[in-house]
């Protein structure tokens, strides 16, 4: 169990280390950064649109990064989201969710739920199919998404 100070220290040192992406930075047809207001905090999302589009309204994959609930950011998954968008033909929505110790359980789940509703409500603007949304993530992000379902 981390103390507040221990979690902040771990995050600091994690952010100082260089992270080499395992995937190259694939081009996408568009990447839109959007700030969303939730009851938890203002939240930045990135929407990755695939290069090859054979549909008018895209299916969606909402992604949350890993990081033990206390570190990393959506930028860590940028290469993965680009790759996933192009390989699946989905719009990938990458979320910079609220992390501990500033935001304790269940805040990240509540925030993700609100973002999921925002995505559905803004389907026309995002050019997505609100009936074809899937969610996932890595490590702590996957845990949040599992709790969301």
N, C-alpha and C. Protein backbone atom coordinates (compact mmCIF):
# COMPACT_ATOMS: atom_id res chain seq x y z
N UNK A 1 0.85 -1.17 0.00
CA UNK A 1 0.00 0.00 0.00
C UNK A 1 0.90 1.23 0.00
N UNK A 2 0.57 2.18 -0.85
CA UNK A 2 1.34 3.41 -0.94
C UNK A 2 0.77 4.48 -0.02
N UNK A 3 1.65 5.27 0.55
CA UNK A 3 1.20 6.47 1.24
C UNK A 3 1.02 7.55 0.17
N UNK A 4 0.40 8.64 0.54
CA UNK A 4 0.23 9.75 -0.40
C UNK A 4 1.59 10.22 -0.91
N UNK A 5 2.53 10.44 0.00
CA UNK A 5 3.86 10.90 -0.39
C UNK A 5 4.59 9.85 -1.23
N UNK A 6 4.44 8.58 -0.88
CA UNK A 6 5.08 7.52 -1.64
C UNK A 6 4.56 7.43 -3.06
N UNK A 7 3.25 7.60 -3.22
CA UNK A 7 2.65 7.57 -4.56
C UNK A 7 3.13 8.74 -5.39
N UNK A 8 3.20 9.92 -4.79
CA UNK A 8 3.69 11.11 -5.51
C UNK A 8 5.15 10.92 -5.92
N UNK A 9 5.96 10.34 -5.04
CA UNK A 9 7.37 10.10 -5.34
C UNK A 9 7.52 9.08 -6.46
N UNK A 10 6.76 8.01 -6.41
CA UNK A 10 6.81 7.00 -7.47
C UNK A 10 6.41 7.61 -8.81
N UNK A 11 5.37 8.43 -8.82
CA UNK A 11 4.95 9.09 -10.05
C UNK A 11 6.06 10.01 -10.57
N UNK A 12 6.69 10.76 -9.69
CA UNK A 12 7.76 11.67 -10.10
C UNK A 12 8.88 10.90 -10.80
N UNK A 13 9.36 9.83 -10.18
CA UNK A 13 10.47 9.08 -10.76
C UNK A 13 10.05 8.34 -12.03
N UNK A 14 8.82 7.90 -12.09
CA UNK A 14 8.32 7.25 -13.31
C UNK A 14 8.29 8.23 -14.47
N UNK A 15 7.88 9.46 -14.21
CA UNK A 15 7.82 10.47 -15.26
C UNK A 15 9.20 10.92 -15.71
N UNK A 16 10.23 10.72 -14.88
CA UNK A 16 11.59 11.13 -15.24
C UNK A 16 12.26 10.13 -16.18
N UNK A 17 11.83 8.89 -16.13
CA UNK A 17 12.48 7.87 -16.95
C UNK A 17 12.01 7.98 -18.39
N UNK A 18 12.92 7.66 -19.33
CA UNK A 18 12.56 7.68 -20.74
C UNK A 18 11.78 6.43 -21.08
N UNK A 19 10.69 6.62 -21.77
CA UNK A 19 9.88 5.49 -22.22
C UNK A 19 10.01 5.39 -23.73
N UNK A 20 10.56 4.30 -24.19
CA UNK A 20 10.70 4.08 -25.62
C UNK A 20 9.48 3.31 -26.12
N UNK A 21 8.75 3.89 -27.09
CA UNK A 21 7.57 3.17 -27.57
C UNK A 21 7.95 1.87 -28.26
N UNK A 22 7.14 0.83 -28.04
CA UNK A 22 7.39 -0.46 -28.68
C UNK A 22 6.89 -0.46 -30.12
N UNK A 23 5.98 0.45 -30.45
CA UNK A 23 5.46 0.57 -31.80
C UNK A 23 5.92 1.89 -32.39
N UNK A 24 6.07 1.92 -33.71
CA UNK A 24 6.42 3.18 -34.36
C UNK A 24 5.20 4.09 -34.39
N UNK A 25 5.43 5.37 -34.62
CA UNK A 25 4.35 6.35 -34.66
C UNK A 25 3.69 6.32 -36.03
N UNK A 26 2.66 5.50 -36.18
CA UNK A 26 1.95 5.41 -37.45
C UNK A 26 1.16 6.69 -37.71
N UNK A 27 1.09 7.08 -38.98
CA UNK A 27 0.20 8.21 -39.29
C UNK A 27 -1.26 7.77 -39.18
N UNK A 28 -2.11 8.69 -38.81
CA UNK A 28 -3.55 8.47 -38.80
C UNK A 28 -4.18 9.59 -39.63
N UNK A 29 -5.42 9.42 -40.05
CA UNK A 29 -6.02 10.47 -40.88
C UNK A 29 -6.26 11.74 -40.07
N UNK A 30 -6.53 11.59 -38.78
CA UNK A 30 -6.71 12.76 -37.91
C UNK A 30 -6.54 12.33 -36.46
N UNK A 31 -6.05 13.28 -35.66
CA UNK A 31 -5.99 13.10 -34.21
C UNK A 31 -6.57 14.38 -33.61
N UNK A 32 -7.66 14.23 -32.87
CA UNK A 32 -8.31 15.38 -32.24
C UNK A 32 -8.15 15.29 -30.73
N UNK A 33 -7.66 16.35 -30.12
CA UNK A 33 -7.59 16.44 -28.66
C UNK A 33 -8.77 17.28 -28.19
N UNK A 34 -9.53 16.74 -27.24
CA UNK A 34 -10.74 17.40 -26.76
C UNK A 34 -10.73 17.39 -25.23
N UNK A 35 -11.02 18.55 -24.63
CA UNK A 35 -11.15 18.66 -23.18
C UNK A 35 -12.62 18.47 -22.80
N UNK A 36 -12.87 17.55 -21.88
CA UNK A 36 -14.23 17.24 -21.44
C UNK A 36 -14.35 17.58 -19.96
N UNK A 37 -15.45 18.22 -19.61
CA UNK A 37 -15.73 18.53 -18.21
C UNK A 37 -16.50 17.36 -17.60
N UNK A 38 -15.96 16.78 -16.53
CA UNK A 38 -16.67 15.74 -15.78
C UNK A 38 -16.82 16.21 -14.34
N UNK A 39 -17.61 15.50 -13.57
CA UNK A 39 -17.78 15.87 -12.15
C UNK A 39 -16.50 15.62 -11.36
N UNK A 40 -15.59 14.81 -11.91
CA UNK A 40 -14.33 14.50 -11.23
C UNK A 40 -13.30 15.58 -11.51
N UNK A 41 -13.08 15.90 -12.79
CA UNK A 41 -12.13 16.93 -13.20
C UNK A 41 -12.23 17.12 -14.70
N UNK A 42 -11.62 18.20 -15.21
CA UNK A 42 -11.52 18.35 -16.65
C UNK A 42 -10.61 17.24 -17.17
N UNK A 43 -11.01 16.63 -18.27
CA UNK A 43 -10.31 15.45 -18.76
C UNK A 43 -9.98 15.60 -20.23
N UNK A 44 -8.72 15.40 -20.58
CA UNK A 44 -8.30 15.44 -21.97
C UNK A 44 -8.45 14.06 -22.59
N UNK A 45 -9.08 14.02 -23.76
CA UNK A 45 -9.14 12.79 -24.54
C UNK A 45 -8.49 13.05 -25.90
N UNK A 46 -7.98 12.01 -26.51
CA UNK A 46 -7.48 12.09 -27.89
C UNK A 46 -8.26 11.10 -28.72
N UNK A 47 -8.73 11.56 -29.88
CA UNK A 47 -9.48 10.71 -30.81
C UNK A 47 -8.61 10.45 -32.03
N UNK A 48 -8.35 9.18 -32.31
CA UNK A 48 -7.51 8.77 -33.44
C UNK A 48 -8.40 8.18 -34.52
N UNK A 49 -8.35 8.77 -35.72
CA UNK A 49 -9.16 8.31 -36.85
C UNK A 49 -8.29 7.52 -37.81
N UNK A 50 -8.77 6.34 -38.26
CA UNK A 50 -7.94 5.48 -39.11
C UNK A 50 -7.70 6.08 -40.49
N UNK A 51 -6.59 5.66 -41.10
CA UNK A 51 -6.26 6.13 -42.45
C UNK A 51 -7.28 5.66 -43.47
N UNK A 52 -7.60 4.40 -43.45
CA UNK A 52 -8.50 3.83 -44.44
C UNK A 52 -9.90 3.77 -43.85
N UNK A 53 -10.79 4.51 -44.46
CA UNK A 53 -12.15 4.56 -43.95
C UNK A 53 -13.11 3.98 -44.98
N UNK A 54 -13.73 2.87 -44.66
CA UNK A 54 -14.71 2.28 -45.56
C UNK A 54 -16.12 2.40 -44.98
N UNK A 55 -16.27 3.25 -44.00
CA UNK A 55 -17.57 3.43 -43.36
C UNK A 55 -17.82 4.91 -43.10
N UNK A 56 -19.08 5.28 -43.05
CA UNK A 56 -19.40 6.68 -42.79
C UNK A 56 -19.33 7.00 -41.30
N UNK A 57 -19.76 6.06 -40.48
CA UNK A 57 -19.71 6.26 -39.03
C UNK A 57 -18.88 5.13 -38.43
N UNK A 58 -17.87 5.53 -37.70
CA UNK A 58 -16.88 4.58 -37.19
C UNK A 58 -17.34 3.90 -35.90
N UNK A 59 -16.96 2.63 -35.72
CA UNK A 59 -17.06 2.03 -34.39
C UNK A 59 -16.00 2.68 -33.49
N UNK A 60 -16.13 2.50 -32.19
CA UNK A 60 -15.24 3.18 -31.23
C UNK A 60 -14.62 2.18 -30.27
N UNK A 61 -13.36 2.43 -29.95
CA UNK A 61 -12.68 1.73 -28.86
C UNK A 61 -12.20 2.80 -27.88
N UNK A 62 -12.68 2.76 -26.64
CA UNK A 62 -12.26 3.71 -25.60
C UNK A 62 -11.14 3.05 -24.79
N UNK A 63 -9.99 3.69 -24.73
CA UNK A 63 -8.79 3.12 -24.12
C UNK A 63 -8.37 3.88 -22.86
N UNK A 64 -7.98 3.12 -21.83
CA UNK A 64 -7.35 3.69 -20.63
C UNK A 64 -5.98 3.06 -20.45
N UNK A 65 -4.98 3.89 -20.24
CA UNK A 65 -3.59 3.43 -20.07
C UNK A 65 -3.38 2.74 -18.73
N UNK A 66 -2.28 2.02 -18.62
CA UNK A 66 -1.89 1.42 -17.35
C UNK A 66 -1.04 2.37 -16.53
N UNK A 67 -0.68 1.95 -15.33
CA UNK A 67 0.17 2.77 -14.48
C UNK A 67 -0.13 2.67 -13.00
N UNK A 68 -0.60 1.51 -12.56
CA UNK A 68 -0.81 1.24 -11.14
C UNK A 68 -1.76 2.23 -10.47
N UNK A 69 -2.64 2.84 -11.24
CA UNK A 69 -3.62 3.82 -10.77
C UNK A 69 -3.00 5.13 -10.31
N UNK A 70 -1.67 5.28 -10.39
CA UNK A 70 -1.03 6.48 -9.85
C UNK A 70 -0.10 7.19 -10.82
N UNK A 71 0.26 6.56 -11.94
CA UNK A 71 1.24 7.20 -12.81
C UNK A 71 0.92 6.97 -14.28
N UNK A 72 1.76 7.53 -15.13
CA UNK A 72 1.65 7.50 -16.59
C UNK A 72 0.51 8.39 -17.06
N UNK A 73 0.37 8.49 -18.36
CA UNK A 73 -0.65 9.34 -18.96
C UNK A 73 -1.07 8.74 -20.29
N UNK A 74 -2.06 9.35 -20.91
CA UNK A 74 -2.55 8.83 -22.18
C UNK A 74 -1.48 8.87 -23.26
N UNK A 75 -0.51 9.77 -23.15
CA UNK A 75 0.56 9.87 -24.15
C UNK A 75 1.36 8.57 -24.25
N UNK A 76 1.42 7.83 -23.16
CA UNK A 76 2.14 6.56 -23.16
C UNK A 76 1.56 5.59 -24.20
N UNK A 77 0.25 5.66 -24.42
CA UNK A 77 -0.42 4.76 -25.36
C UNK A 77 -0.60 5.35 -26.75
N UNK A 78 -0.03 6.50 -27.02
CA UNK A 78 -0.21 7.14 -28.33
C UNK A 78 0.16 6.22 -29.49
N UNK A 79 1.36 5.59 -29.51
CA UNK A 79 1.68 4.69 -30.64
C UNK A 79 0.70 3.52 -30.75
N UNK A 80 0.30 2.96 -29.63
CA UNK A 80 -0.65 1.85 -29.60
C UNK A 80 -2.00 2.27 -30.18
N UNK A 81 -2.48 3.45 -29.81
CA UNK A 81 -3.78 3.93 -30.29
C UNK A 81 -3.76 4.18 -31.79
N UNK A 82 -2.66 4.72 -32.29
CA UNK A 82 -2.52 4.93 -33.74
C UNK A 82 -2.57 3.59 -34.47
N UNK A 83 -1.80 2.63 -33.98
CA UNK A 83 -1.75 1.30 -34.57
C UNK A 83 -3.14 0.66 -34.55
N UNK A 84 -3.79 0.72 -33.40
CA UNK A 84 -5.10 0.10 -33.24
C UNK A 84 -6.14 0.73 -34.16
N UNK A 85 -6.13 2.04 -34.30
CA UNK A 85 -7.08 2.72 -35.19
C UNK A 85 -6.92 2.21 -36.62
N UNK A 86 -5.69 2.14 -37.09
CA UNK A 86 -5.45 1.70 -38.47
C UNK A 86 -5.73 0.22 -38.68
N UNK A 87 -5.43 -0.59 -37.69
CA UNK A 87 -5.62 -2.03 -37.85
C UNK A 87 -7.09 -2.46 -37.73
N UNK A 88 -7.87 -1.71 -36.98
CA UNK A 88 -9.26 -2.12 -36.74
C UNK A 88 -10.29 -1.30 -37.50
N UNK A 89 -9.90 -0.12 -37.98
CA UNK A 89 -10.87 0.77 -38.63
C UNK A 89 -11.77 1.47 -37.63
N UNK A 90 -11.39 1.45 -36.35
CA UNK A 90 -12.15 2.12 -35.29
C UNK A 90 -11.59 3.51 -35.03
N UNK A 91 -12.42 4.37 -34.48
CA UNK A 91 -11.91 5.58 -33.85
C UNK A 91 -11.49 5.14 -32.46
N UNK A 92 -10.25 5.38 -32.11
CA UNK A 92 -9.75 5.04 -30.78
C UNK A 92 -9.77 6.32 -29.94
N UNK A 93 -10.45 6.26 -28.81
CA UNK A 93 -10.53 7.40 -27.90
C UNK A 93 -9.72 7.06 -26.67
N UNK A 94 -8.63 7.81 -26.51
CA UNK A 94 -7.65 7.58 -25.45
C UNK A 94 -7.88 8.60 -24.34
N UNK A 95 -8.04 8.14 -23.12
CA UNK A 95 -8.47 8.99 -22.00
C UNK A 95 -7.35 9.17 -20.98
N UNK A 96 -7.15 10.41 -20.54
CA UNK A 96 -6.21 10.70 -19.46
C UNK A 96 -7.00 10.75 -18.15
N UNK A 97 -7.21 9.57 -17.57
CA UNK A 97 -8.11 9.46 -16.42
C UNK A 97 -7.46 9.97 -15.12
N UNK A 98 -8.30 10.24 -14.12
CA UNK A 98 -7.86 10.74 -12.82
C UNK A 98 -7.11 9.65 -12.05
N UNK A 99 -5.97 10.03 -11.49
CA UNK A 99 -5.12 9.06 -10.79
C UNK A 99 -5.00 9.40 -9.30
N UNK A 100 -4.72 8.35 -8.53
CA UNK A 100 -4.45 8.50 -7.11
C UNK A 100 -3.05 9.11 -6.96
N UNK A 101 -2.71 9.73 -5.89
CA UNK A 101 -3.50 9.85 -4.67
C UNK A 101 -4.50 11.01 -4.68
N UNK A 102 -4.45 11.88 -5.70
CA UNK A 102 -5.37 13.02 -5.71
C UNK A 102 -6.83 12.59 -5.87
N UNK A 103 -7.05 11.53 -6.62
CA UNK A 103 -8.41 11.05 -6.89
C UNK A 103 -8.51 9.59 -6.48
N UNK A 104 -9.23 9.33 -5.41
CA UNK A 104 -9.32 7.96 -4.89
C UNK A 104 -10.52 7.23 -5.51
N UNK A 105 -10.54 5.91 -5.29
CA UNK A 105 -11.65 5.07 -5.73
C UNK A 105 -12.95 5.62 -5.16
N UNK A 106 -14.00 5.71 -5.90
CA UNK A 106 -14.26 5.24 -7.27
C UNK A 106 -14.19 6.34 -8.32
N UNK A 107 -13.48 7.43 -8.05
CA UNK A 107 -13.46 8.58 -8.96
C UNK A 107 -13.09 8.23 -10.41
N UNK A 108 -12.03 7.42 -10.67
CA UNK A 108 -11.71 7.10 -12.07
C UNK A 108 -12.83 6.34 -12.79
N UNK A 109 -13.56 5.52 -12.05
CA UNK A 109 -14.68 4.78 -12.65
C UNK A 109 -15.82 5.74 -12.98
N UNK A 110 -16.15 6.62 -12.06
CA UNK A 110 -17.20 7.61 -12.29
C UNK A 110 -16.84 8.50 -13.48
N UNK A 111 -15.58 8.93 -13.53
CA UNK A 111 -15.11 9.78 -14.62
C UNK A 111 -15.22 9.04 -15.96
N UNK A 112 -14.80 7.80 -16.01
CA UNK A 112 -14.86 7.01 -17.24
C UNK A 112 -16.30 6.80 -17.69
N UNK A 113 -17.20 6.59 -16.75
CA UNK A 113 -18.62 6.43 -17.06
C UNK A 113 -19.17 7.71 -17.70
N UNK A 114 -18.82 8.86 -17.14
CA UNK A 114 -19.27 10.14 -17.70
C UNK A 114 -18.70 10.36 -19.10
N UNK A 115 -17.45 9.98 -19.31
CA UNK A 115 -16.84 10.14 -20.63
C UNK A 115 -17.52 9.22 -21.64
N UNK A 116 -17.83 8.02 -21.24
CA UNK A 116 -18.55 7.09 -22.12
C UNK A 116 -19.89 7.69 -22.55
N UNK A 117 -20.61 8.30 -21.62
CA UNK A 117 -21.87 8.96 -21.96
C UNK A 117 -21.63 10.16 -22.86
N UNK A 118 -20.57 10.91 -22.62
CA UNK A 118 -20.24 12.06 -23.47
C UNK A 118 -19.98 11.59 -24.90
N UNK A 119 -19.27 10.48 -25.05
CA UNK A 119 -18.98 9.93 -26.38
C UNK A 119 -20.29 9.62 -27.11
N UNK A 120 -21.22 8.96 -26.43
CA UNK A 120 -22.51 8.61 -27.05
C UNK A 120 -23.30 9.86 -27.41
N UNK A 121 -23.31 10.85 -26.52
CA UNK A 121 -24.06 12.08 -26.76
C UNK A 121 -23.47 12.91 -27.90
N UNK A 122 -22.20 12.76 -28.17
CA UNK A 122 -21.51 13.55 -29.20
C UNK A 122 -21.14 12.71 -30.42
N UNK A 123 -21.90 11.65 -30.66
CA UNK A 123 -21.61 10.73 -31.76
C UNK A 123 -21.58 11.42 -33.12
N UNK A 124 -22.52 12.32 -33.38
CA UNK A 124 -22.56 13.00 -34.67
C UNK A 124 -21.31 13.85 -34.89
N UNK A 125 -20.95 14.62 -33.87
CA UNK A 125 -19.75 15.47 -33.96
C UNK A 125 -18.48 14.63 -34.15
N UNK A 126 -18.42 13.48 -33.51
CA UNK A 126 -17.24 12.61 -33.59
C UNK A 126 -17.27 11.69 -34.82
N UNK A 127 -18.40 11.65 -35.52
CA UNK A 127 -18.58 10.78 -36.69
C UNK A 127 -18.43 9.30 -36.31
N UNK A 128 -19.09 8.94 -35.22
CA UNK A 128 -19.01 7.55 -34.73
C UNK A 128 -20.40 6.94 -34.64
N UNK A 129 -20.43 5.62 -34.54
CA UNK A 129 -21.67 4.88 -34.35
C UNK A 129 -21.85 4.65 -32.85
N UNK A 130 -22.83 5.30 -32.22
CA UNK A 130 -22.99 5.17 -30.76
C UNK A 130 -23.44 3.78 -30.32
N UNK A 131 -23.82 2.92 -31.26
CA UNK A 131 -24.21 1.55 -30.93
C UNK A 131 -23.03 0.58 -31.02
N UNK A 132 -21.88 1.08 -31.45
CA UNK A 132 -20.71 0.22 -31.61
C UNK A 132 -19.53 0.79 -30.82
N UNK A 133 -19.63 0.72 -29.50
CA UNK A 133 -18.58 1.22 -28.61
C UNK A 133 -18.08 0.06 -27.77
N UNK A 134 -16.78 -0.09 -27.72
CA UNK A 134 -16.17 -1.08 -26.84
C UNK A 134 -15.15 -0.36 -25.97
N UNK A 135 -14.83 -0.95 -24.84
CA UNK A 135 -13.90 -0.32 -23.90
C UNK A 135 -12.80 -1.30 -23.53
N UNK A 136 -11.64 -0.77 -23.16
CA UNK A 136 -10.54 -1.62 -22.74
C UNK A 136 -9.38 -0.79 -22.25
N UNK A 137 -8.30 -1.46 -21.93
CA UNK A 137 -7.12 -0.77 -21.45
C UNK A 137 -6.06 -1.75 -21.02
N UNK A 138 -5.02 -1.23 -20.45
CA UNK A 138 -3.91 -2.04 -19.96
C UNK A 138 -3.82 -1.88 -18.44
N UNK A 139 -3.60 -2.98 -17.77
CA UNK A 139 -3.32 -3.00 -16.34
C UNK A 139 -4.40 -2.23 -15.56
N UNK A 140 -4.02 -1.14 -14.90
CA UNK A 140 -5.00 -0.40 -14.10
C UNK A 140 -6.12 0.15 -14.96
N UNK A 141 -5.82 0.56 -16.19
CA UNK A 141 -6.86 1.02 -17.10
C UNK A 141 -7.87 -0.07 -17.40
N UNK A 142 -7.39 -1.29 -17.58
CA UNK A 142 -8.28 -2.43 -17.82
C UNK A 142 -9.14 -2.71 -16.59
N UNK A 143 -8.59 -2.54 -15.41
CA UNK A 143 -9.36 -2.73 -14.17
C UNK A 143 -10.50 -1.72 -14.08
N UNK A 144 -10.21 -0.48 -14.41
CA UNK A 144 -11.25 0.55 -14.38
C UNK A 144 -12.35 0.20 -15.37
N UNK A 145 -11.95 -0.20 -16.58
CA UNK A 145 -12.94 -0.53 -17.60
C UNK A 145 -13.75 -1.77 -17.21
N UNK A 146 -13.13 -2.75 -16.58
CA UNK A 146 -13.86 -3.93 -16.12
C UNK A 146 -14.90 -3.54 -15.07
N UNK A 147 -14.54 -2.63 -14.18
CA UNK A 147 -15.48 -2.16 -13.16
C UNK A 147 -16.61 -1.35 -13.81
N UNK A 148 -16.28 -0.65 -14.88
CA UNK A 148 -17.27 0.15 -15.60
C UNK A 148 -18.34 -0.72 -16.23
N UNK A 149 -17.93 -1.88 -16.72
CA UNK A 149 -18.89 -2.78 -17.40
C UNK A 149 -19.75 -3.47 -16.38
